[in-house]
Amino acid sequence: MMKSARFNLALGRVLAAAAYADGTLDEEERRALEDLLFRLPQWDAEQWRTLSAQLDDPERLGDFETLCADLRDQLQDPGDSEIARSALESLRRRLPDHHPELKALEEVLQSVFGEAPVSSAGSLLHKLKGAITAPLQKQLRLLGQVDRAHRDLEESFSARVRKSWPKHRVPPEGEELRHLCVGAAILGHVVHLDGVVERGEVEAMTRALVEHWGIGRDEAQAVTEVALEESAAGIDLYANLREFFEHSEEDERLRFLAAVFQVAAGDGQANMTEIEEVRRIGHGLLLSHQHFIAAKLAIPRDHRET
């Protein structure tokens, strides 16, 4: 297990315990918490599923004092310490200036990083519970906006794909169609990275859809055209990555990451900006750095910036 994945799990357990401090974690609060945690770097799929299972049963999280001690143990590594600080700071940034819970979160940060005397478990839990209330509420509002935009895009995308589908072929429906649209939206995002849609990228995207989903070239061209138009204004990348992750197995995600790299190099060369975005997509699919390197090395050296 990667060190950062262990840290993510330790942090996730502490925040989950705090969120459960009032005895409940309703479905909307849980989704907001999961969305905050999913965006941390370097999760692995096994640890993410472990945390998700523990959110179903808070008693499996363990006692709060032990959870905090485990989190502090993970902060011995300077790299993980920076990830921890960044993750907790991201919660702090969701609080408006002068918000009464801002001081509570700052005290939690100081305690966790040893910059102040460690509070008792009960005191720290109380502060942390208060400190994440407002971020979760804000995240719920943001998720509502993202959900509406994502749902509108998905409905528009799906309707246009059905309409554009070759008349002599039966279009996919339900989960199959949504999965195709989500994957195409991610590929379209990569094509739009530099603001210019190159012919080679369009061809690479069409070919990727044929190879990954096993659809015909006419169908893939129709999906590519719709995806590029629908994603031109931008997408919530993490919302799409999480949906793709939840409806795929690791083998499919590995093949899809290779397809993403092929699209990035479709104009002749994947530049550093595109390579870093592919790395971010790999992280968002909960794939390892080794998986990213394998996908990168599958692209000829003269087709990627070094």
Protein backbone atom coordinates (compact mmCIF):
# COMPACT_ATOMS: atom_id res chain seq x y z
CA MET A 1 0.00 0.00 0.00
CA MET A 2 1.36 3.47 -0.86
CA LYS A 3 2.28 5.69 2.08
CA SER A 4 -0.03 8.41 0.81
CA ALA A 5 -2.90 5.92 0.56
CA ARG A 6 -2.33 5.00 4.21
CA PHE A 7 -2.39 8.68 5.09
CA ASN A 8 -5.58 9.23 3.09
CA LEU A 9 -7.24 6.35 4.92
CA ALA A 10 -6.11 7.68 8.31
CA LEU A 11 -7.36 11.18 7.51
CA GLY A 12 -10.59 9.83 6.05
CA ARG A 13 -11.29 7.84 9.21
CA VAL A 14 -10.70 10.86 11.44
CA LEU A 15 -12.98 13.09 9.38
CA ALA A 16 -15.61 10.35 9.13
CA ALA A 17 -15.58 9.89 12.90
CA ALA A 18 -16.02 13.63 13.34
CA ALA A 19 -18.85 13.69 10.84
CA TYR A 20 -20.51 10.88 12.80
CA ALA A 21 -20.02 12.70 16.11
CA ASP A 22 -23.71 13.59 16.34
CA GLY A 23 -24.60 9.94 15.79
CA THR A 24 -25.70 10.26 12.16
CA LEU A 25 -24.29 10.83 8.71
CA ASP A 26 -27.11 11.24 6.24
CA GLU A 27 -26.73 10.34 2.58
CA GLU A 28 -26.08 13.91 1.44
CA GLU A 29 -23.45 14.55 4.14
CA ARG A 30 -21.77 11.27 3.32
CA ARG A 31 -21.63 12.13 -0.36
CA ALA A 32 -20.14 15.55 0.42
CA LEU A 33 -17.51 13.96 2.67
CA GLU A 34 -16.70 11.32 0.06
CA ASP A 35 -16.34 13.99 -2.60
CA LEU A 36 -13.90 15.97 -0.44
CA LEU A 37 -11.85 12.85 0.29
CA PHE A 38 -11.96 11.46 -3.28
CA ARG A 39 -10.11 14.55 -4.48
CA LEU A 40 -7.10 13.81 -2.28
CA PRO A 41 -4.09 12.65 -4.34
CA GLN A 42 -2.77 9.11 -4.40
CA TRP A 43 -5.71 7.01 -3.25
CA ASP A 44 -5.61 3.40 -4.23
CA ALA A 45 -8.77 1.49 -5.05
CA GLU A 46 -8.46 -0.98 -2.18
CA GLN A 47 -8.17 1.71 0.49
CA TRP A 48 -10.98 3.78 -1.02
CA ARG A 49 -13.30 0.78 -0.87
CA THR A 50 -12.17 0.10 2.70
CA LEU A 51 -13.11 3.60 3.79
CA SER A 52 -16.43 3.46 1.90
CA ALA A 53 -17.30 0.22 3.71
CA GLN A 54 -16.43 1.76 7.07
CA LEU A 55 -18.69 4.71 6.35
CA ASP A 56 -21.53 2.18 6.19
CA ASP A 57 -20.73 1.06 9.73
CA PRO A 58 -19.18 3.77 11.96
CA GLU A 59 -18.34 1.24 14.68
CA ARG A 60 -15.75 -0.23 12.30
CA LEU A 61 -13.86 3.08 12.35
CA GLY A 62 -12.55 2.49 15.89
CA ASP A 63 -12.22 4.94 18.77
CA PHE A 64 -11.32 8.53 17.98
CA GLU A 65 -8.17 8.69 20.10
CA THR A 66 -6.66 5.73 18.23
CA LEU A 67 -7.67 7.24 14.89
CA CYS A 68 -5.94 10.54 15.73
CA ALA A 69 -2.80 8.72 16.89
CA ASP A 70 -2.74 6.79 13.60
CA LEU A 71 -3.07 10.02 11.64
CA ARG A 72 -0.18 11.60 13.57
CA ASP A 73 1.95 8.52 12.84
CA GLN A 74 1.38 9.08 9.12
CA LEU A 75 2.73 12.63 9.41
CA GLN A 76 6.29 11.46 10.04
CA ASP A 77 6.92 11.42 6.29
CA PRO A 78 7.49 15.00 4.98
CA GLY A 79 5.64 14.28 1.74
CA ASP A 80 2.56 12.91 3.48
CA SER A 81 2.75 15.78 5.95
CA GLU A 82 2.38 18.20 3.05
CA ILE A 83 -0.55 16.23 1.66
CA ALA A 84 -2.15 16.27 5.12
CA ARG A 85 -1.68 19.99 5.50
CA SER A 86 -3.03 20.63 2.02
CA ALA A 87 -6.09 18.44 2.63
CA LEU A 88 -6.95 20.07 5.93
CA GLU A 89 -6.23 23.51 4.52
CA SER A 90 -8.69 22.78 1.71
CA LEU A 91 -11.35 22.40 4.39
CA ARG A 92 -10.27 25.66 5.98
CA ARG A 93 -10.52 27.49 2.65
CA ARG A 94 -14.18 26.48 2.42
CA LEU A 95 -14.90 28.62 5.49
CA PRO A 96 -15.55 32.34 4.94
CA ASP A 97 -13.27 34.86 6.66
CA HIS A 98 -14.15 35.47 10.31
CA HIS A 99 -16.39 32.40 10.40
CA PRO A 100 -16.66 31.21 14.04
CA GLU A 101 -15.55 27.68 13.04
CA LEU A 102 -12.36 28.97 11.42
CA LYS A 103 -10.56 29.23 14.78
CA ALA A 104 -11.65 25.70 15.70
CA LEU A 105 -10.17 24.25 12.50
CA GLU A 106 -6.94 26.19 12.99
CA GLU A 107 -6.66 24.69 16.50
CA VAL A 108 -7.19 21.22 15.03
CA LEU A 109 -4.47 21.85 12.45
CA GLN A 110 -2.06 22.98 15.17
CA SER A 111 -2.83 19.94 17.33
CA VAL A 112 -2.47 17.43 14.49
CA PHE A 113 0.86 18.91 13.37
CA GLY A 114 2.28 19.19 16.87
CA GLU A 115 2.31 22.97 16.77
CA ALA A 116 0.20 23.12 19.96
CA PRO A 117 -0.46 20.78 22.90
CA VAL A 118 -2.49 17.75 21.80
CA SER A 119 -6.08 18.09 22.95
CA SER A 120 -7.93 15.26 24.57
CA ALA A 121 -9.69 12.99 22.12
CA GLY A 122 -13.09 14.32 23.23
CA SER A 123 -12.02 17.95 22.85
CA LEU A 124 -10.39 17.35 19.47
CA LEU A 125 -13.45 15.45 18.24
CA HIS A 126 -15.72 18.29 19.32
CA LYS A 127 -13.55 20.89 17.55
CA LEU A 128 -13.16 18.81 14.43
CA LYS A 129 -16.90 18.11 14.27
CA GLY A 130 -17.59 21.81 14.42
CA ALA A 131 -14.82 22.62 11.98
CA ILE A 132 -16.08 20.35 9.20
CA THR A 133 -19.77 21.25 9.51
CA ALA A 134 -19.56 24.38 7.38
CA PRO A 135 -17.25 22.83 4.75
CA LEU A 136 -19.65 19.91 4.36
CA GLN A 137 -22.60 22.26 4.04
CA LYS A 138 -20.74 24.28 1.42
CA GLN A 139 -19.72 21.10 -0.35
CA LEU A 140 -23.37 20.01 -0.40
CA ARG A 141 -24.31 23.25 -2.13
CA LEU A 142 -21.46 22.88 -4.62
CA LEU A 143 -22.41 19.26 -5.25
CA GLY A 144 -25.97 20.33 -5.92
CA GLN A 145 -24.73 22.76 -8.57
CA VAL A 146 -22.32 20.18 -10.02
CA ASP A 147 -25.02 17.51 -10.01
CA ARG A 148 -27.43 19.72 -11.91
CA ALA A 149 -24.79 20.74 -14.45
CA HIS A 150 -23.52 17.16 -14.76
CA ARG A 151 -27.05 15.79 -15.11
CA ASP A 152 -27.96 18.43 -17.72
CA LEU A 153 -24.79 17.68 -19.66
CA GLU A 154 -25.37 13.94 -19.39
CA GLU A 155 -28.98 14.21 -20.56
CA SER A 156 -28.03 16.51 -23.43
CA PHE A 157 -25.09 14.27 -24.34
CA SER A 158 -27.18 11.09 -24.21
CA ALA A 159 -30.01 12.58 -26.25
CA ARG A 160 -27.63 13.83 -28.92
CA VAL A 161 -25.77 10.50 -29.06
CA ARG A 162 -29.07 8.65 -29.59
CA LYS A 163 -30.07 11.12 -32.30
CA SER A 164 -26.68 10.89 -34.04
CA TRP A 165 -26.45 7.10 -33.82
CA PRO A 166 -26.52 5.42 -37.25
CA LYS A 167 -30.13 4.58 -38.14
CA HIS A 168 -29.40 0.93 -38.86
CA ARG A 169 -27.81 0.35 -35.43
CA VAL A 170 -29.43 0.10 -31.99
CA PRO A 171 -27.94 2.71 -29.62
CA PRO A 172 -26.90 1.73 -26.07
CA GLU A 173 -29.23 2.65 -23.21
CA GLY A 174 -29.13 3.15 -19.46
CA GLU A 175 -25.84 2.52 -17.65
CA GLU A 176 -24.10 1.47 -20.86
CA LEU A 177 -24.93 4.77 -22.56
CA ARG A 178 -23.99 6.83 -19.48
CA HIS A 179 -20.66 5.04 -19.17
CA LEU A 180 -19.90 5.71 -22.83
CA CYS A 181 -20.81 9.39 -22.44
CA VAL A 182 -18.69 9.80 -19.29
CA GLY A 183 -15.66 8.21 -20.97
CA ALA A 184 -16.11 10.31 -24.10
CA ALA A 185 -16.43 13.48 -21.98
CA ILE A 186 -13.07 12.72 -20.30
CA LEU A 187 -11.42 12.14 -23.68
CA GLY A 188 -13.00 15.34 -25.00
CA HIS A 189 -11.58 17.21 -22.01
CA VAL A 190 -8.08 16.05 -23.00
CA VAL A 191 -8.58 17.16 -26.60
CA HIS A 192 -9.65 20.64 -25.43
CA LEU A 193 -6.69 21.13 -23.05
CA ASP A 194 -4.72 23.47 -25.33
CA GLY A 195 -7.82 25.16 -26.73
CA VAL A 196 -7.20 23.77 -30.23
CA VAL A 197 -8.91 20.69 -31.66
CA GLU A 198 -6.45 18.99 -34.00
CA ARG A 199 -7.51 16.51 -36.66
CA GLY A 200 -5.11 13.91 -35.29
CA GLU A 201 -6.67 14.21 -31.80
CA VAL A 202 -10.16 13.73 -33.22
CA GLU A 203 -8.98 10.64 -35.10
CA ALA A 204 -7.24 9.30 -31.98
CA MET A 205 -10.40 9.85 -29.92
CA THR A 206 -12.56 8.09 -32.51
CA ARG A 207 -10.13 5.17 -32.62
CA ALA A 208 -10.05 5.00 -28.81
CA LEU A 209 -13.85 4.74 -28.66
CA VAL A 210 -13.83 1.97 -31.25
CA GLU A 211 -11.16 0.01 -29.41
CA HIS A 212 -12.36 0.61 -25.87
CA TRP A 213 -16.12 0.24 -26.32
CA GLY A 214 -16.17 -2.06 -29.32
CA ILE A 215 -18.53 0.19 -31.28
CA GLY A 216 -18.36 0.75 -35.03
CA ARG A 217 -16.42 3.60 -36.58
CA ASP A 218 -19.58 5.45 -37.67
CA GLU A 219 -20.92 5.30 -34.11
CA ALA A 220 -17.55 6.39 -32.67
CA GLN A 221 -17.39 9.37 -35.02
CA ALA A 222 -20.87 10.43 -33.96
CA VAL A 223 -19.99 10.15 -30.26
CA THR A 224 -16.70 12.03 -30.79
CA GLU A 225 -18.45 14.91 -32.52
CA VAL A 226 -21.06 15.23 -29.79
CA ALA A 227 -18.50 14.84 -26.98
CA LEU A 228 -16.23 17.56 -28.33
CA GLU A 229 -19.14 19.98 -28.64
CA GLU A 230 -20.63 19.13 -25.25
CA SER A 231 -17.29 19.33 -23.40
CA ALA A 232 -16.09 22.52 -25.12
CA ALA A 233 -17.32 24.66 -22.21
CA GLY A 234 -15.54 22.43 -19.69
CA ILE A 235 -16.55 19.55 -17.45
CA ASP A 236 -16.17 18.72 -13.76
CA LEU A 237 -13.33 16.26 -14.33
CA TYR A 238 -13.46 14.65 -10.88
CA ALA A 239 -17.23 14.11 -11.06
CA ASN A 240 -16.72 12.23 -14.33
CA LEU A 241 -13.68 10.32 -13.06
CA ARG A 242 -15.49 9.20 -9.94
CA GLU A 243 -18.48 8.04 -11.96
CA PHE A 244 -16.18 6.16 -14.37
CA PHE A 245 -14.37 4.57 -11.41
CA GLU A 246 -17.60 3.44 -9.74
CA HIS A 247 -18.79 1.67 -12.90
CA SER A 248 -15.57 -0.05 -13.99
CA GLU A 249 -13.06 -2.66 -12.92
CA GLU A 250 -9.33 -2.00 -12.73
CA ASP A 251 -8.58 -3.75 -16.04
CA GLU A 252 -10.95 -1.43 -17.87
CA ARG A 253 -9.51 1.64 -16.15
CA LEU A 254 -6.00 0.60 -17.22
CA ARG A 255 -7.11 0.26 -20.83
CA PHE A 256 -8.92 3.58 -20.63
CA LEU A 257 -5.85 5.38 -19.25
CA ALA A 258 -3.86 4.06 -22.22
CA ALA A 259 -6.58 5.43 -24.51
CA VAL A 260 -6.36 8.83 -22.78
CA PHE A 261 -2.61 8.91 -23.47
CA GLN A 262 -3.20 8.01 -27.11
CA VAL A 263 -5.62 10.94 -27.47
CA ALA A 264 -3.13 13.30 -25.75
CA ALA A 265 -0.52 12.29 -28.34
CA GLY A 266 -3.01 12.38 -31.21
CA ASP A 267 -1.65 15.64 -32.66
CA GLY A 268 1.83 14.09 -32.94
CA GLN A 269 3.16 14.67 -29.45
CA ALA A 270 1.84 14.71 -25.89
CA ASN A 271 3.28 17.85 -24.28
CA MET A 272 4.11 18.20 -20.58
CA THR A 273 0.79 19.88 -19.79
CA GLU A 274 -1.09 16.99 -21.37
CA ILE A 275 1.13 14.39 -19.69
CA GLU A 276 0.49 15.95 -16.27
CA GLU A 277 -3.24 15.99 -16.99
CA VAL A 278 -3.11 12.29 -17.89
CA ARG A 279 -1.32 11.72 -14.58
CA ARG A 280 -4.16 13.57 -12.81
CA ILE A 281 -6.72 11.45 -14.64
CA GLY A 282 -4.87 8.31 -13.57
CA HIS A 283 -4.99 9.49 -9.95
CA GLY A 284 -8.70 10.24 -10.34
CA LEU A 285 -9.26 6.69 -11.54
CA LEU A 286 -7.35 5.46 -8.43
CA LEU A 287 -4.60 3.95 -10.53
CA SER A 288 -1.01 3.83 -9.30
CA HIS A 289 2.03 5.74 -10.51
CA GLN A 290 3.29 2.46 -11.99
CA HIS A 291 0.09 2.20 -14.03
CA PHE A 292 0.65 5.75 -15.29
CA ILE A 293 4.26 4.98 -16.26
CA ALA A 294 3.18 1.83 -18.12
CA ALA A 295 0.61 3.82 -20.12
CA LYS A 296 3.18 6.55 -20.81
CA LEU A 297 5.82 4.11 -22.05
CA ALA A 298 3.29 2.63 -24.47
CA ILE A 299 3.53 5.94 -26.37
CA PRO A 300 6.66 6.10 -28.60
CA ARG A 301 9.32 8.41 -27.16
CA ASP A 302 9.17 10.75 -30.17
CA HIS A 303 5.41 11.18 -29.56
CA ARG A 304 5.77 12.54 -26.01
CA GLU A 305 7.67 15.45 -24.55
CA THR A 306 10.41 14.46 -22.11
